[in-house]
C-alpha atoms as a PDB file:
ATOM      1  CA  SER A   1     -10.142  -8.232 221.154  1.00  0.00           C
ATOM      2  CA  THR A   2      -6.605  -6.968 220.639  1.00  0.00           C
ATOM      3  CA  SER A   3      -3.246  -7.073 222.334  1.00  0.00           C
ATOM      4  CA  GLY A   4      -3.168  -3.272 222.188  1.00  0.00           C
ATOM      5  CA  HIS A   5      -0.247  -1.084 223.169  1.00  0.00           C
ATOM      6  CA  ALA A   6       2.421  -2.558 225.423  1.00  0.00           C
ATOM      7  CA  GLY A   7       0.429  -5.787 225.725  1.00  0.00           C
ATOM      8  CA  THR A   8      -2.707  -4.131 227.131  1.00  0.00           C
ATOM      9  CA  PRO A   9      -5.476  -6.661 226.471  1.00  0.00           C
ATOM     10  CA  LEU A  10      -8.959  -5.563 225.490  1.00  0.00           C
ATOM     11  CA  ARG A  11     -11.691  -8.146 225.977  1.00  0.00           C
ATOM     12  CA  ASP A  12     -15.475  -8.037 225.995  1.00  0.00           C
ATOM     13  CA  VAL A  13     -15.726  -4.329 225.175  1.00  0.00           C
ATOM     14  CA  SER A  14     -19.177  -3.278 224.033  1.00  0.00           C
ATOM     15  CA  LEU A  15     -20.262   0.311 223.374  1.00  0.00           C
ATOM     16  CA  PHE A  16     -23.446   1.784 221.931  1.00  0.00           C
ATOM     17  CA  VAL A  17     -23.484   5.476 221.082  1.00  0.00           C
ATOM     18  CA  ARG A  18     -26.573   7.162 219.647  1.00  0.00           C
ATOM     19  CA  ALA A  19     -26.549   9.933 217.044  1.00  0.00           C
ATOM     20  CA  GLY A  20     -25.540  13.252 218.596  1.00  0.00           C
ATOM     21  CA  GLN A  21     -23.891  11.672 221.638  1.00  0.00           C
ATOM     22  CA  ILE A  22     -20.233  12.147 222.471  1.00  0.00           C
ATOM     23  CA  LEU A  23     -18.319   9.297 224.081  1.00  0.00           C
ATOM     24  CA  GLY A  24     -15.338  10.087 226.287  1.00  0.00           C
ATOM     25  CA  ILE A  25     -12.937   7.401 227.462  1.00  0.00           C
ATOM     26  CA  ALA A  26     -10.759   8.037 230.516  1.00  0.00           C
ATOM     27  CA  GLY A  27      -8.584   5.914 232.730  1.00  0.00           C
ATOM     28  CA  VAL A  28      -5.224   5.482 234.375  1.00  0.00           C
ATOM     29  CA  SER A  29      -2.379   5.285 231.850  1.00  0.00           C
ATOM     30  CA  GLY A  30      -1.833   1.695 230.730  1.00  0.00           C
ATOM     31  CA  ASN A  31      -5.360   0.458 231.428  1.00  0.00           C
ATOM     32  CA  GLY A  32      -6.288   0.118 227.762  1.00  0.00           C
ATOM     33  CA  GLN A  33      -8.075   3.358 226.902  1.00  0.00           C
ATOM     34  CA  ARG A  34      -5.497   4.301 224.249  1.00  0.00           C
ATOM     35  CA  ALA A  35      -5.642   0.827 222.670  1.00  0.00           C
ATOM     36  CA  LEU A  36      -9.439   1.039 222.645  1.00  0.00           C
ATOM     37  CA  ALA A  37      -9.368   4.481 220.998  1.00  0.00           C
ATOM     38  CA  ASP A  38      -6.850   3.193 218.435  1.00  0.00           C
ATOM     39  CA  VAL A  39      -9.109   0.258 217.510  1.00  0.00           C
ATOM     40  CA  ILE A  40     -12.232   2.426 217.327  1.00  0.00           C
ATOM     41  CA  SER A  41     -10.455   4.993 215.105  1.00  0.00           C
ATOM     42  CA  GLY A  42      -8.857   2.411 212.790  1.00  0.00           C
ATOM     43  CA  MET A  43      -5.257   2.905 213.895  1.00  0.00           C
ATOM     44  CA  LEU A  44      -5.037  -0.633 215.310  1.00  0.00           C
ATOM     45  CA  PRO A  45      -6.910  -3.579 213.776  1.00  0.00           C
ATOM     46  CA  PRO A  46      -8.795  -5.829 216.206  1.00  0.00           C
ATOM     47  CA  GLN A  47      -8.020  -9.536 216.416  1.00  0.00           C
ATOM     48  CA  ALA A  48     -11.738 -10.322 216.725  1.00  0.00           C
ATOM     49  CA  GLY A  49     -15.109  -8.636 216.975  1.00  0.00           C
ATOM     50  CA  THR A  50     -17.216  -6.290 214.882  1.00  0.00           C
ATOM     51  CA  MET A  51     -18.007  -2.615 214.712  1.00  0.00           C
ATOM     52  CA  ALA A  52     -20.870  -0.808 212.990  1.00  0.00           C
ATOM     53  CA  ILE A  53     -21.429   2.894 212.366  1.00  0.00           C
ATOM     54  CA  ALA A  54     -24.901   4.088 211.362  1.00  0.00           C
ATOM     55  CA  GLY A  55     -25.871   0.478 210.670  1.00  0.00           C
ATOM     56  CA  LYS A  56     -22.894  -0.149 208.359  1.00  0.00           C
ATOM     57  CA  THR A  57     -20.452  -2.830 209.436  1.00  0.00           C
ATOM     58  CA  VAL A  58     -16.844  -1.678 209.325  1.00  0.00           C
ATOM     59  CA  ALA A  59     -15.147  -3.910 206.777  1.00  0.00           C
ATOM     60  CA  GLN A  60     -11.598  -2.580 206.911  1.00  0.00           C
ATOM     61  CA  PHE A  61     -10.315  -0.869 210.037  1.00  0.00           C
ATOM     62  CA  SER A  62      -8.527   2.180 208.662  1.00  0.00           C
ATOM     63  CA  PRO A  63      -8.731   5.830 209.712  1.00  0.00           C
ATOM     64  CA  ARG A  64      -9.892   6.782 206.210  1.00  0.00           C
ATOM     65  CA  GLU A  65     -12.828   4.334 206.207  1.00  0.00           C
ATOM     66  CA  LEU A  66     -13.951   5.273 209.699  1.00  0.00           C
ATOM     67  CA  GLN A  67     -13.756   9.010 208.958  1.00  0.00           C
ATOM     68  CA  ALA A  68     -15.812   8.416 205.798  1.00  0.00           C
ATOM     69  CA  LEU A  69     -18.448   6.737 208.012  1.00  0.00           C
ATOM     70  CA  GLY A  70     -18.571   9.864 210.189  1.00  0.00           C
ATOM     71  CA  LEU A  71     -16.335   8.891 213.098  1.00  0.00           C
ATOM     72  CA  GLY A  72     -14.155  11.602 214.621  1.00  0.00           C
ATOM     73  CA  ARG A  73     -11.448  11.335 217.260  1.00  0.00           C
ATOM     74  CA  ILE A  74      -9.710  13.829 219.501  1.00  0.00           C
ATOM     75  CA  PRO A  75      -6.518  12.034 220.577  1.00  0.00           C
ATOM     76  CA  GLU A  76      -5.004  12.416 224.015  1.00  0.00           C
ATOM     77  CA  ASP A  77      -1.840  13.949 222.501  1.00  0.00           C
ATOM     78  CA  ARG A  78      -2.692  15.833 219.328  1.00  0.00           C
ATOM     79  CA  MET A  79       0.953  16.757 218.645  1.00  0.00           C
ATOM     80  CA  THR A  80       2.012  13.112 218.197  1.00  0.00           C
ATOM     81  CA  THR A  81      -1.240  11.509 217.000  1.00  0.00           C
ATOM     82  CA  GLY A  82      -3.292  14.197 215.287  1.00  0.00           C
ATOM     83  CA  LEU A  83      -0.838  16.415 213.407  1.00  0.00           C
ATOM     84  CA  VAL A  84       2.065  16.188 210.994  1.00  0.00           C
ATOM     85  CA  THR A  85       4.164  18.731 212.867  1.00  0.00           C
ATOM     86  CA  ASN A  86       6.672  19.382 210.071  1.00  0.00           C
ATOM     87  CA  LEU A  87       3.826  20.537 207.755  1.00  0.00           C
ATOM     88  CA  PRO A  88       1.780  23.728 208.013  1.00  0.00           C
ATOM     89  CA  LEU A  89      -1.380  23.325 210.121  1.00  0.00           C
ATOM     90  CA  ALA A  90      -3.590  23.797 207.033  1.00  0.00           C
ATOM     91  CA  ASP A  91      -1.975  20.739 205.393  1.00  0.00           C
ATOM     92  CA  SER A  92      -2.591  18.577 208.474  1.00  0.00           C
ATOM     93  CA  MET A  93      -6.229  19.698 208.504  1.00  0.00           C
ATOM     94  CA  VAL A  94      -6.713  18.694 204.856  1.00  0.00           C
ATOM     95  CA  LEU A  95      -5.083  15.242 205.081  1.00  0.00           C
ATOM     96  CA  PRO A  96      -8.267  13.376 206.163  1.00  0.00           C
ATOM     97  CA  ARG A  97     -10.069  14.847 203.126  1.00  0.00           C
ATOM     98  CA  ILE A  98      -7.270  14.541 200.568  1.00  0.00           C
ATOM     99  CA  GLY A  99      -9.085  11.779 198.637  1.00  0.00           C
ATOM    100  CA  THR A 100     -12.326  13.728 198.287  1.00  0.00           C
ATOM    101  CA  GLU A 101     -13.422  15.517 195.134  1.00  0.00           C
ATOM    102  CA  ALA A 102     -12.884  18.940 196.708  1.00  0.00           C
ATOM    103  CA  PHE A 103      -9.145  18.292 197.147  1.00  0.00           C
ATOM    104  CA  SER A 104      -8.108  15.865 194.405  1.00  0.00           C
ATOM    105  CA  ARG A 105      -8.972  14.621 190.937  1.00  0.00           C
END
């Protein structure tokens, strides 16, 4: 449950996705699909409810935690949600992995 973007309420949402499946969410603008994607990806914390990935309950809704659990997201507008447009593309691609051993000490 969340108030979402522009007051879009989300209630009683339940999804089950098996390994290897891809879930797409579509709808008319303002019907809650962006708020739902933001909660699932950790951009917006829920007011209630639980989420588990591969049997692990999500403790802290943050993009970093959810990416570490294997969740990926392709946002509806990658220029405003998925990239840091004033940085080179390579830097934007590395940001989700910046805390890993391969990219930092």
